[in-house]
N, C-alpha and C. Protein backbone atom coordinates (compact mmCIF):
# COMPACT_ATOMS: atom_id res chain seq x y z
N UNK A 1 0.85 -1.16 0.00
CA UNK A 1 0.00 0.00 0.00
C UNK A 1 0.90 1.23 0.00
N UNK A 2 0.45 2.26 -0.61
CA UNK A 2 1.23 3.48 -0.72
C UNK A 2 1.20 4.23 0.60
N UNK A 3 2.31 4.84 0.98
CA UNK A 3 2.39 5.51 2.27
C UNK A 3 1.49 6.74 2.31
N UNK A 4 1.32 7.42 1.18
CA UNK A 4 0.45 8.61 1.14
C UNK A 4 -1.02 8.21 1.37
N UNK A 5 -1.45 7.10 0.78
CA UNK A 5 -2.83 6.62 0.95
C UNK A 5 -3.06 6.18 2.40
N UNK A 6 -2.10 5.49 2.98
CA UNK A 6 -2.23 5.05 4.38
C UNK A 6 -2.35 6.25 5.31
N UNK A 7 -1.55 7.29 5.06
CA UNK A 7 -1.60 8.47 5.90
C UNK A 7 -2.96 9.14 5.79
N UNK A 8 -3.54 9.21 4.60
CA UNK A 8 -4.87 9.81 4.41
C UNK A 8 -5.93 9.02 5.16
N UNK A 9 -5.82 7.70 5.12
CA UNK A 9 -6.80 6.86 5.81
C UNK A 9 -6.68 7.06 7.32
N UNK A 10 -5.47 7.16 7.83
CA UNK A 10 -5.26 7.35 9.27
C UNK A 10 -5.80 8.71 9.70
N UNK A 11 -5.51 9.75 8.91
CA UNK A 11 -5.98 11.09 9.24
C UNK A 11 -7.50 11.16 9.18
N UNK A 12 -8.12 10.55 8.17
CA UNK A 12 -9.58 10.56 8.04
C UNK A 12 -10.23 9.80 9.19
N UNK A 13 -9.64 8.68 9.58
CA UNK A 13 -10.19 7.91 10.70
C UNK A 13 -10.08 8.69 12.01
N UNK A 14 -8.97 9.36 12.21
CA UNK A 14 -8.79 10.16 13.42
C UNK A 14 -9.78 11.31 13.47
N UNK A 15 -9.97 11.98 12.33
CA UNK A 15 -10.93 13.09 12.29
C UNK A 15 -12.35 12.59 12.56
N UNK A 16 -12.71 11.43 12.03
CA UNK A 16 -14.04 10.88 12.26
C UNK A 16 -14.22 10.52 13.73
N UNK A 17 -13.16 9.98 14.36
CA UNK A 17 -13.26 9.63 15.77
C UNK A 17 -13.43 10.88 16.64
N UNK A 18 -12.67 11.94 16.34
CA UNK A 18 -12.78 13.18 17.10
C UNK A 18 -14.15 13.80 16.91
N UNK A 19 -14.65 13.81 15.69
CA UNK A 19 -15.98 14.35 15.41
C UNK A 19 -17.05 13.54 16.14
N UNK A 20 -16.95 12.22 16.14
CA UNK A 20 -17.91 11.38 16.84
C UNK A 20 -17.91 11.62 18.34
N UNK A 21 -16.72 11.75 18.92
CA UNK A 21 -16.62 12.03 20.35
C UNK A 21 -17.23 13.39 20.67
N UNK A 22 -17.00 14.37 19.81
CA UNK A 22 -17.57 15.69 20.02
C UNK A 22 -19.09 15.68 19.97
N UNK A 23 -19.64 14.95 19.01
CA UNK A 23 -21.11 14.87 18.89
C UNK A 23 -21.71 14.19 20.11
N UNK A 24 -21.11 13.12 20.57
CA UNK A 24 -21.62 12.41 21.75
C UNK A 24 -21.52 13.29 22.99
N UNK A 25 -20.40 14.00 23.15
CA UNK A 25 -20.24 14.88 24.31
C UNK A 25 -21.28 16.00 24.29
N UNK A 26 -21.54 16.56 23.11
CA UNK A 26 -22.55 17.62 23.01
C UNK A 26 -23.94 17.08 23.32
N UNK A 27 -24.25 15.90 22.80
CA UNK A 27 -25.58 15.32 23.02
C UNK A 27 -25.80 15.01 24.50
N UNK A 28 -24.77 14.53 25.18
CA UNK A 28 -24.94 14.20 26.59
C UNK A 28 -24.97 15.45 27.47
N UNK A 29 -24.25 16.48 27.10
CA UNK A 29 -24.24 17.67 27.94
C UNK A 29 -25.49 18.53 27.75
N UNK A 30 -26.13 18.43 26.61
CA UNK A 30 -27.32 19.25 26.37
C UNK A 30 -28.60 18.56 26.82
N UNK A 31 -28.50 17.32 27.25
CA UNK A 31 -29.69 16.58 27.69
C UNK A 31 -29.95 16.88 29.16
N UNK A 32 -31.08 17.50 29.47
CA UNK A 32 -31.47 17.81 30.84
C UNK A 32 -32.61 16.90 31.23
N UNK A 33 -32.42 16.14 32.30
CA UNK A 33 -33.45 15.21 32.75
C UNK A 33 -34.48 15.96 33.57
N UNK A 34 -35.73 15.92 33.14
CA UNK A 34 -36.84 16.56 33.85
C UNK A 34 -37.83 15.46 34.20
N UNK A 35 -38.16 15.30 35.47
CA UNK A 35 -39.12 14.27 35.84
C UNK A 35 -40.48 14.51 35.17
N UNK A 36 -41.14 13.44 34.81
CA UNK A 36 -42.42 13.55 34.10
C UNK A 36 -43.52 14.10 35.00
N UNK A 37 -43.56 13.64 36.23
CA UNK A 37 -44.61 14.10 37.13
C UNK A 37 -43.98 14.91 38.25
N UNK A 38 -44.37 16.15 38.35
CA UNK A 38 -43.88 16.99 39.43
C UNK A 38 -45.05 17.39 40.31
N UNK A 39 -44.92 17.13 41.60
CA UNK A 39 -45.97 17.44 42.55
C UNK A 39 -45.64 18.78 43.19
N UNK A 40 -46.52 19.75 43.09
CA UNK A 40 -46.23 21.05 43.72
C UNK A 40 -46.21 20.91 45.24
N UNK A 41 -45.52 21.84 45.90
CA UNK A 41 -45.38 21.79 47.35
C UNK A 41 -46.73 21.91 48.05
N UNK A 42 -47.56 22.83 47.62
CA UNK A 42 -48.88 22.97 48.23
C UNK A 42 -49.93 22.79 47.15
N UNK A 43 -50.37 21.55 46.99
CA UNK A 43 -51.35 21.23 45.96
C UNK A 43 -52.72 21.72 46.40
N UNK A 44 -53.47 22.33 45.51
CA UNK A 44 -54.82 22.76 45.88
C UNK A 44 -55.73 21.54 46.06
N UNK A 45 -56.73 21.63 46.91
CA UNK A 45 -57.61 20.47 47.11
C UNK A 45 -58.40 20.18 45.83
N UNK A 46 -58.61 18.91 45.59
CA UNK A 46 -59.34 18.49 44.40
C UNK A 46 -60.81 18.87 44.51
N UNK A 47 -61.38 18.63 45.67
CA UNK A 47 -62.78 18.96 45.90
C UNK A 47 -62.81 20.08 46.95
N UNK A 48 -63.41 21.20 46.62
CA UNK A 48 -63.44 22.27 47.62
C UNK A 48 -64.29 21.85 48.82
N UNK A 49 -63.76 22.11 50.00
CA UNK A 49 -64.49 21.71 51.20
C UNK A 49 -65.40 22.85 51.66
N UNK A 50 -66.51 22.46 52.24
CA UNK A 50 -67.46 23.44 52.76
C UNK A 50 -67.59 23.22 54.26
N UNK A 51 -67.96 24.23 55.01
CA UNK A 51 -68.07 24.07 56.46
C UNK A 51 -69.11 23.03 56.88
N UNK A 52 -70.19 22.87 56.14
CA UNK A 52 -71.24 21.93 56.52
C UNK A 52 -71.16 20.62 55.73
N UNK A 53 -69.96 20.24 55.27
CA UNK A 53 -69.81 19.03 54.48
C UNK A 53 -70.07 17.77 55.30
N UNK A 54 -69.72 17.79 56.58
CA UNK A 54 -69.94 16.60 57.41
C UNK A 54 -71.42 16.34 57.62
N UNK A 55 -72.23 17.37 57.68
CA UNK A 55 -73.67 17.18 57.86
C UNK A 55 -74.32 16.64 56.59
N UNK A 56 -73.76 16.96 55.44
CA UNK A 56 -74.33 16.50 54.17
C UNK A 56 -74.04 15.03 53.92
N UNK A 57 -73.02 14.46 54.59
CA UNK A 57 -72.62 13.09 54.35
C UNK A 57 -72.96 12.18 55.52
N UNK A 58 -73.73 12.62 56.45
CA UNK A 58 -74.06 11.82 57.62
C UNK A 58 -74.81 10.56 57.20
N UNK A 59 -74.38 9.39 57.70
CA UNK A 59 -75.05 8.13 57.32
C UNK A 59 -76.43 8.03 57.96
N UNK A 60 -77.33 7.41 57.25
CA UNK A 60 -78.68 7.22 57.78
C UNK A 60 -78.72 5.94 58.63
N UNK A 61 -79.77 5.76 59.39
CA UNK A 61 -79.88 4.61 60.29
C UNK A 61 -80.01 3.30 59.53
N UNK A 62 -80.69 3.31 58.38
CA UNK A 62 -80.89 2.06 57.64
C UNK A 62 -79.75 1.77 56.65
N UNK A 63 -78.76 2.62 56.59
CA UNK A 63 -77.65 2.38 55.66
C UNK A 63 -76.82 1.19 56.11
N UNK A 64 -76.58 1.05 57.42
CA UNK A 64 -75.78 -0.07 57.92
C UNK A 64 -76.53 -1.39 57.76
N UNK A 65 -77.85 -1.38 57.83
CA UNK A 65 -78.62 -2.61 57.70
C UNK A 65 -78.63 -3.12 56.26
N UNK A 66 -78.40 -2.25 55.29
CA UNK A 66 -78.44 -2.66 53.88
C UNK A 66 -77.16 -3.33 53.40
N UNK A 67 -76.11 -3.35 54.21
CA UNK A 67 -74.83 -3.95 53.81
C UNK A 67 -74.77 -5.36 54.35
N UNK A 68 -74.54 -6.33 53.49
CA UNK A 68 -74.46 -7.73 53.90
C UNK A 68 -73.10 -8.00 54.53
N UNK A 69 -73.03 -8.83 55.56
CA UNK A 69 -71.74 -9.16 56.17
C UNK A 69 -70.91 -10.04 55.23
N UNK A 70 -69.63 -9.97 55.38
CA UNK A 70 -68.73 -10.78 54.56
C UNK A 70 -68.78 -12.22 55.07
N UNK A 71 -69.07 -13.19 54.20
CA UNK A 71 -69.15 -14.58 54.66
C UNK A 71 -67.76 -15.14 54.95
N UNK A 72 -67.69 -16.08 55.88
CA UNK A 72 -66.43 -16.74 56.21
C UNK A 72 -66.29 -17.94 55.28
N UNK A 73 -65.20 -17.98 54.53
CA UNK A 73 -64.97 -19.06 53.57
C UNK A 73 -63.63 -19.72 53.90
N UNK A 74 -63.47 -20.99 53.52
CA UNK A 74 -62.19 -21.66 53.77
C UNK A 74 -61.09 -21.05 52.91
N UNK A 75 -59.86 -21.24 53.34
CA UNK A 75 -58.72 -20.70 52.61
C UNK A 75 -58.59 -21.39 51.25
N UNK A 76 -58.14 -20.66 50.25
CA UNK A 76 -58.00 -21.23 48.91
C UNK A 76 -56.83 -22.20 48.84
N UNK A 77 -55.78 -21.95 49.62
CA UNK A 77 -54.61 -22.83 49.63
C UNK A 77 -54.37 -23.24 51.07
N UNK A 78 -54.32 -24.53 51.30
CA UNK A 78 -54.09 -25.04 52.64
C UNK A 78 -52.59 -25.00 52.91
N UNK A 79 -52.16 -24.37 54.00
CA UNK A 79 -50.72 -24.33 54.29
C UNK A 79 -50.21 -25.71 54.67
N UNK A 80 -49.03 -26.06 54.17
CA UNK A 80 -48.40 -27.33 54.47
C UNK A 80 -47.26 -27.06 55.45
N UNK A 81 -47.35 -27.58 56.69
CA UNK A 81 -46.34 -27.24 57.68
C UNK A 81 -44.96 -27.83 57.40
N UNK A 82 -44.88 -28.98 56.72
CA UNK A 82 -43.59 -29.65 56.50
C UNK A 82 -43.01 -29.35 55.14
N UNK A 83 -43.46 -28.29 54.48
CA UNK A 83 -42.95 -27.98 53.15
C UNK A 83 -41.53 -27.44 53.26
N UNK A 84 -40.62 -27.93 52.38
CA UNK A 84 -39.23 -27.43 52.43
C UNK A 84 -39.16 -26.01 51.86
N UNK A 85 -38.18 -25.27 52.33
CA UNK A 85 -37.98 -23.90 51.84
C UNK A 85 -37.45 -23.96 50.41
N UNK A 86 -37.90 -23.04 49.60
CA UNK A 86 -37.47 -22.99 48.21
C UNK A 86 -36.41 -21.92 48.07
N UNK A 87 -35.24 -22.30 47.56
CA UNK A 87 -34.15 -21.33 47.35
C UNK A 87 -34.27 -20.72 45.98
N UNK A 88 -34.14 -19.42 45.93
CA UNK A 88 -34.24 -18.71 44.64
C UNK A 88 -32.88 -18.32 44.17
C-alpha cells in the first residue's frame, strides 16, 4: 500500500473519531433530565371543602342494615407445615 494513501486513511479515521466524540459529548451535555410528574409543594384540594360538608354526608340509620356481612370461607390454599424452603 502506498504511504500517502495510508496516511490519508489514518488522518480521516482520526478526524471521524474526534468528530464522533464531540457529537456524543454535546448530546450528553445538552440533555437535561426533567421528571415527568412533578408534585407542587402545596397542591390545591381536588374537591373544595365546605363548612357543613360533614352534615351532608351523615349516614342514615338504615344504611348499615343494607350492607351484607362478609361470609367466612375456607382458605383457597391449605398451608403445608412440613414444606421445604425454596431457594431462589
